[in-house]
Amino acid sequence: HVQLVQIVIPSRTEVPEYQKLKARIEQLVSSINGEYGTPAYMPISYIYHSVSENELSALYQLSEVMHIGSTRDGMNLVSLEY
């Protein structure tokens, strides 16, 4: 099984476009998990909060493939630091 971990750090929560995007992401996650998941397996783990450095390091170590798409935001350099 493949497991996608989607970490979304809340920001600009008062902006209507961000609220719409959050709702769309949650709808897609729910739809995909509903179609392909089972009681013992969910293809997408959706995390909507900040994670500690220890938690993030553990996720990095456990992963076989990693994609960070934060450069899409502009000046967010997280993906370039890893």
N, C-alpha and C. Protein backbone atom coordinates (compact mmCIF):
# COMPACT_ATOMS: atom_id res chain seq x y z
N HIS A 1 0.83 -1.18 0.00
CA HIS A 1 0.00 0.00 0.00
C HIS A 1 0.88 1.25 0.00
N VAL A 2 0.37 2.26 -0.62
CA VAL A 2 1.03 3.57 -0.63
C VAL A 2 0.31 4.47 0.36
N GLN A 3 1.07 5.23 1.10
CA GLN A 3 0.51 6.17 2.09
C GLN A 3 0.99 7.57 1.76
N LEU A 4 0.07 8.47 1.50
CA LEU A 4 0.40 9.87 1.29
C LEU A 4 0.11 10.63 2.57
N VAL A 5 1.08 11.37 3.05
CA VAL A 5 0.88 12.20 4.23
C VAL A 5 0.85 13.65 3.76
N GLN A 6 -0.29 14.26 3.87
CA GLN A 6 -0.48 15.65 3.45
C GLN A 6 -0.48 16.52 4.69
N ILE A 7 0.58 17.32 4.85
CA ILE A 7 0.68 18.23 5.98
C ILE A 7 0.35 19.63 5.50
N VAL A 8 -0.67 20.21 6.09
CA VAL A 8 -1.08 21.56 5.74
C VAL A 8 -0.96 22.42 6.99
N ILE A 9 -0.09 23.41 6.92
CA ILE A 9 0.11 24.31 8.05
C ILE A 9 -0.87 25.47 7.90
N PRO A 10 -1.79 25.64 8.85
CA PRO A 10 -2.77 26.72 8.73
C PRO A 10 -2.10 28.09 8.65
N SER A 11 -2.50 28.86 7.66
CA SER A 11 -2.05 30.24 7.54
C SER A 11 -3.12 31.02 6.80
N ARG A 12 -3.19 32.26 7.09
CA ARG A 12 -4.16 33.15 6.42
C ARG A 12 -5.57 32.55 6.43
N THR A 13 -5.95 32.00 7.56
CA THR A 13 -7.23 31.29 7.66
C THR A 13 -8.44 32.20 7.47
N GLU A 14 -8.25 33.51 7.57
CA GLU A 14 -9.36 34.43 7.38
C GLU A 14 -9.58 34.81 5.92
N VAL A 15 -8.67 34.43 5.02
CA VAL A 15 -8.78 34.77 3.60
C VAL A 15 -9.75 33.80 2.92
N PRO A 16 -10.80 34.32 2.27
CA PRO A 16 -11.82 33.46 1.65
C PRO A 16 -11.25 32.44 0.65
N GLU A 17 -10.27 32.82 -0.14
CA GLU A 17 -9.69 31.89 -1.11
C GLU A 17 -8.98 30.72 -0.41
N TYR A 18 -8.34 30.98 0.71
CA TYR A 18 -7.69 29.92 1.48
C TYR A 18 -8.74 29.01 2.11
N GLN A 19 -9.85 29.58 2.55
CA GLN A 19 -10.93 28.77 3.11
C GLN A 19 -11.51 27.85 2.04
N LYS A 20 -11.67 28.37 0.83
CA LYS A 20 -12.18 27.54 -0.28
C LYS A 20 -11.19 26.43 -0.63
N LEU A 21 -9.91 26.77 -0.65
CA LEU A 21 -8.89 25.78 -0.95
C LEU A 21 -8.87 24.68 0.11
N LYS A 22 -8.96 25.06 1.38
CA LYS A 22 -9.00 24.08 2.47
C LYS A 22 -10.20 23.14 2.31
N ALA A 23 -11.35 23.71 2.01
CA ALA A 23 -12.56 22.90 1.83
C ALA A 23 -12.40 21.94 0.65
N ARG A 24 -11.79 22.40 -0.42
CA ARG A 24 -11.58 21.56 -1.60
C ARG A 24 -10.61 20.42 -1.30
N ILE A 25 -9.52 20.74 -0.61
CA ILE A 25 -8.55 19.71 -0.23
C ILE A 25 -9.22 18.65 0.65
N GLU A 26 -9.99 19.09 1.65
CA GLU A 26 -10.66 18.15 2.55
C GLU A 26 -11.67 17.29 1.80
N GLN A 27 -12.35 17.87 0.81
CA GLN A 27 -13.31 17.11 0.01
C GLN A 27 -12.58 16.04 -0.81
N LEU A 28 -11.45 16.41 -1.41
CA LEU A 28 -10.68 15.45 -2.20
C LEU A 28 -10.12 14.32 -1.34
N VAL A 29 -9.57 14.67 -0.18
CA VAL A 29 -9.04 13.66 0.73
C VAL A 29 -10.14 12.69 1.14
N SER A 30 -11.29 13.23 1.50
CA SER A 30 -12.41 12.40 1.92
C SER A 30 -12.88 11.48 0.79
N SER A 31 -12.95 12.03 -0.41
CA SER A 31 -13.39 11.24 -1.56
C SER A 31 -12.41 10.11 -1.88
N ILE A 32 -11.12 10.42 -1.90
CA ILE A 32 -10.11 9.40 -2.20
C ILE A 32 -10.08 8.34 -1.10
N ASN A 33 -10.08 8.76 0.16
CA ASN A 33 -10.07 7.79 1.26
C ASN A 33 -11.34 6.95 1.26
N GLY A 34 -12.47 7.55 0.92
CA GLY A 34 -13.72 6.81 0.86
C GLY A 34 -13.73 5.76 -0.24
N GLU A 35 -13.13 6.09 -1.37
CA GLU A 35 -13.13 5.17 -2.50
C GLU A 35 -12.08 4.07 -2.37
N TYR A 36 -10.90 4.42 -1.91
CA TYR A 36 -9.79 3.47 -1.91
C TYR A 36 -9.40 2.95 -0.52
N GLY A 37 -9.94 3.54 0.52
CA GLY A 37 -9.57 3.14 1.86
C GLY A 37 -10.38 1.97 2.37
N THR A 38 -9.89 1.40 3.45
CA THR A 38 -10.60 0.34 4.16
C THR A 38 -10.53 0.71 5.64
N PRO A 39 -11.24 -0.02 6.51
CA PRO A 39 -11.13 0.29 7.93
C PRO A 39 -9.69 0.20 8.46
N ALA A 40 -8.85 -0.62 7.82
CA ALA A 40 -7.48 -0.79 8.29
C ALA A 40 -6.46 0.06 7.52
N TYR A 41 -6.90 0.74 6.45
CA TYR A 41 -5.96 1.48 5.60
C TYR A 41 -6.62 2.72 5.00
N MET A 42 -5.98 3.84 5.18
CA MET A 42 -6.41 5.08 4.54
C MET A 42 -5.26 5.56 3.66
N PRO A 43 -5.50 5.76 2.37
CA PRO A 43 -4.42 6.15 1.48
C PRO A 43 -3.84 7.53 1.77
N ILE A 44 -4.64 8.42 2.33
CA ILE A 44 -4.14 9.77 2.62
C ILE A 44 -4.33 10.08 4.10
N SER A 45 -3.23 10.44 4.75
CA SER A 45 -3.29 10.98 6.11
C SER A 45 -3.22 12.49 5.98
N TYR A 46 -4.26 13.17 6.39
CA TYR A 46 -4.36 14.62 6.25
C TYR A 46 -4.11 15.26 7.61
N ILE A 47 -3.05 16.05 7.70
CA ILE A 47 -2.69 16.71 8.96
C ILE A 47 -2.84 18.22 8.75
N TYR A 48 -3.78 18.83 9.47
CA TYR A 48 -4.02 20.26 9.34
C TYR A 48 -3.62 20.97 10.63
N HIS A 49 -2.34 20.98 10.90
CA HIS A 49 -1.79 21.72 12.03
C HIS A 49 -0.27 21.68 11.92
N SER A 50 0.37 22.52 12.66
CA SER A 50 1.84 22.50 12.68
C SER A 50 2.33 21.21 13.31
N VAL A 51 3.45 20.72 12.84
CA VAL A 51 4.05 19.53 13.43
C VAL A 51 5.41 19.93 14.01
N SER A 52 5.78 19.26 15.06
CA SER A 52 7.05 19.57 15.71
C SER A 52 8.21 19.13 14.82
N GLU A 53 9.37 19.64 15.13
CA GLU A 53 10.56 19.25 14.38
C GLU A 53 10.83 17.76 14.53
N ASN A 54 10.58 17.21 15.71
CA ASN A 54 10.77 15.77 15.93
C ASN A 54 9.81 14.94 15.09
N GLU A 55 8.54 15.36 15.05
CA GLU A 55 7.55 14.64 14.24
C GLU A 55 7.92 14.70 12.75
N LEU A 56 8.33 15.88 12.31
CA LEU A 56 8.69 16.05 10.92
C LEU A 56 9.92 15.22 10.56
N SER A 57 10.90 15.20 11.44
CA SER A 57 12.10 14.38 11.21
C SER A 57 11.74 12.90 11.12
N ALA A 58 10.84 12.46 11.98
CA ALA A 58 10.41 11.06 11.95
C ALA A 58 9.72 10.74 10.62
N LEU A 59 8.88 11.64 10.14
CA LEU A 59 8.21 11.43 8.85
C LEU A 59 9.23 11.37 7.72
N TYR A 60 10.21 12.27 7.75
CA TYR A 60 11.26 12.25 6.73
C TYR A 60 12.01 10.92 6.74
N GLN A 61 12.33 10.42 7.92
CA GLN A 61 13.09 9.18 8.02
C GLN A 61 12.29 7.97 7.56
N LEU A 62 11.01 7.98 7.79
CA LEU A 62 10.16 6.85 7.41
C LEU A 62 9.80 6.85 5.93
N SER A 63 9.90 7.99 5.28
CA SER A 63 9.45 8.09 3.90
C SER A 63 10.46 7.51 2.93
N GLU A 64 9.93 6.97 1.84
CA GLU A 64 10.78 6.50 0.75
C GLU A 64 10.85 7.55 -0.35
N VAL A 65 9.81 8.32 -0.48
CA VAL A 65 9.74 9.40 -1.47
C VAL A 65 9.17 10.61 -0.77
N MET A 66 9.70 11.78 -1.12
CA MET A 66 9.22 13.00 -0.49
C MET A 66 9.07 14.08 -1.54
N HIS A 67 7.95 14.77 -1.49
CA HIS A 67 7.73 15.90 -2.39
C HIS A 67 7.21 17.05 -1.54
N ILE A 68 7.89 18.17 -1.62
CA ILE A 68 7.41 19.38 -0.95
C ILE A 68 7.15 20.40 -2.04
N GLY A 69 5.92 20.85 -2.11
CA GLY A 69 5.55 21.80 -3.16
C GLY A 69 5.42 23.23 -2.68
N SER A 70 6.14 23.58 -1.63
CA SER A 70 5.93 24.90 -1.04
C SER A 70 6.52 26.05 -1.86
N THR A 71 7.38 25.77 -2.84
CA THR A 71 7.90 26.88 -3.65
C THR A 71 6.79 27.52 -4.47
N ARG A 72 5.69 26.83 -4.59
CA ARG A 72 4.53 27.39 -5.28
C ARG A 72 4.01 28.63 -4.56
N ASP A 73 4.23 28.71 -3.26
CA ASP A 73 3.80 29.85 -2.47
C ASP A 73 4.64 31.10 -2.71
N GLY A 74 5.76 30.96 -3.36
CA GLY A 74 6.60 32.13 -3.61
C GLY A 74 7.88 32.07 -2.81
N MET A 75 7.93 32.80 -1.73
CA MET A 75 9.16 32.91 -0.96
C MET A 75 9.32 31.84 0.12
N ASN A 76 8.43 30.88 0.18
CA ASN A 76 8.56 29.80 1.16
C ASN A 76 9.71 28.89 0.73
N LEU A 77 10.76 28.81 1.50
CA LEU A 77 11.97 28.08 1.10
C LEU A 77 12.12 26.72 1.77
N VAL A 78 11.08 26.21 2.43
CA VAL A 78 11.18 24.94 3.14
C VAL A 78 11.68 23.84 2.22
N SER A 79 11.12 23.73 1.04
CA SER A 79 11.50 22.63 0.15
C SER A 79 12.95 22.76 -0.30
N LEU A 80 13.49 23.95 -0.34
CA LEU A 80 14.87 24.13 -0.76
C LEU A 80 15.84 23.85 0.38
N GLU A 81 15.37 23.91 1.62
CA GLU A 81 16.20 23.64 2.77
C GLU A 81 16.41 22.15 2.98
N TYR A 82 15.40 21.32 2.65
CA TYR A 82 15.52 19.89 2.85
C TYR A 82 16.47 19.30 1.83
